[in-house]
């Protein structure tokens, strides 16, 4: 493959332990974003985030 532009709305496929073992690069741009998750009027705080990562040989699908 070749590094080109960022893509959005993609999905990765595979066994999580195999995918994690294929990480061959991690950025130094660690960021977290807070938010809330809710159902039936109940809300709980949550966070998402992490650094950019490069994963070799993983199937990618999307638009």
Protein backbone atom coordinates (compact mmCIF):
# COMPACT_ATOMS: atom_id res chain seq x y z
CA UNK A 1 0.00 0.00 0.00
CA UNK A 2 0.84 3.65 -0.14
CA UNK A 3 0.14 6.41 2.37
CA UNK A 4 -2.09 9.02 0.79
CA UNK A 5 -5.03 10.96 2.21
CA UNK A 6 -7.15 10.46 5.30
CA UNK A 7 -10.40 8.57 4.83
CA UNK A 8 -13.57 8.68 6.94
CA UNK A 9 -16.49 6.36 7.63
CA UNK A 10 -14.44 3.19 7.34
CA UNK A 11 -14.56 -0.13 9.11
CA UNK A 12 -11.71 -2.47 9.99
CA UNK A 13 -12.14 -6.22 9.91
CA UNK A 14 -10.26 -8.92 11.78
CA UNK A 15 -9.44 -10.48 15.11
CA UNK A 16 -8.65 -7.66 17.54
CA UNK A 17 -5.48 -9.29 18.89
CA UNK A 18 -4.17 -9.88 15.36
CA UNK A 19 -5.00 -6.30 14.36
CA UNK A 20 -3.27 -4.88 17.45
CA UNK A 21 -0.17 -6.97 16.71
CA UNK A 22 0.03 -5.32 13.26
CA UNK A 23 0.42 -1.78 14.60
CA UNK A 24 3.78 -0.57 13.29
CA UNK A 25 3.56 3.13 14.06
CA UNK A 26 1.95 5.33 16.72
CA UNK A 27 1.84 9.12 16.62
CA UNK A 28 2.69 11.48 19.45
CA UNK A 29 -0.62 13.33 19.05
CA UNK A 30 -2.58 11.85 21.96
CA UNK A 31 -5.96 13.59 22.36
CA UNK A 32 -9.13 12.78 24.29
CA UNK A 33 -12.60 14.24 23.80
CA UNK A 34 -15.29 14.17 26.45
CA UNK A 35 -18.97 13.68 25.88
CA UNK A 36 -21.99 11.85 27.18
CA UNK A 37 -23.79 8.66 26.29
CA UNK A 38 -27.43 8.23 27.13
CA UNK A 39 -30.54 6.12 26.91
CA UNK A 40 -34.07 6.67 28.22
CA UNK A 41 -33.18 10.06 29.66
CA UNK A 42 -30.18 8.76 31.59
CA UNK A 43 -26.76 10.22 30.80
CA UNK A 44 -23.27 9.06 31.69
CA UNK A 45 -20.00 10.81 30.90
CA UNK A 46 -17.70 9.13 28.41
CA UNK A 47 -14.48 9.86 26.57
CA UNK A 48 -13.00 8.83 23.25
CA UNK A 49 -9.60 9.39 21.79
CA UNK A 50 -6.07 8.23 21.34
CA UNK A 51 -3.13 8.80 19.02
CA UNK A 52 -3.10 8.14 15.29
CA UNK A 53 -1.81 4.65 14.50
CA UNK A 54 -0.56 2.88 11.38
CA UNK A 55 -1.65 -0.74 10.97
CA UNK A 56 -0.15 -2.93 8.26
CA UNK A 57 -2.14 -5.47 6.22
CA UNK A 58 -5.62 -4.96 7.65
CA UNK A 59 -8.79 -5.12 5.50
CA UNK A 60 -10.48 -1.71 5.30
CA UNK A 61 -13.97 -1.08 3.96
CA UNK A 62 -16.22 1.90 3.59
CA UNK A 63 -17.29 4.61 1.21
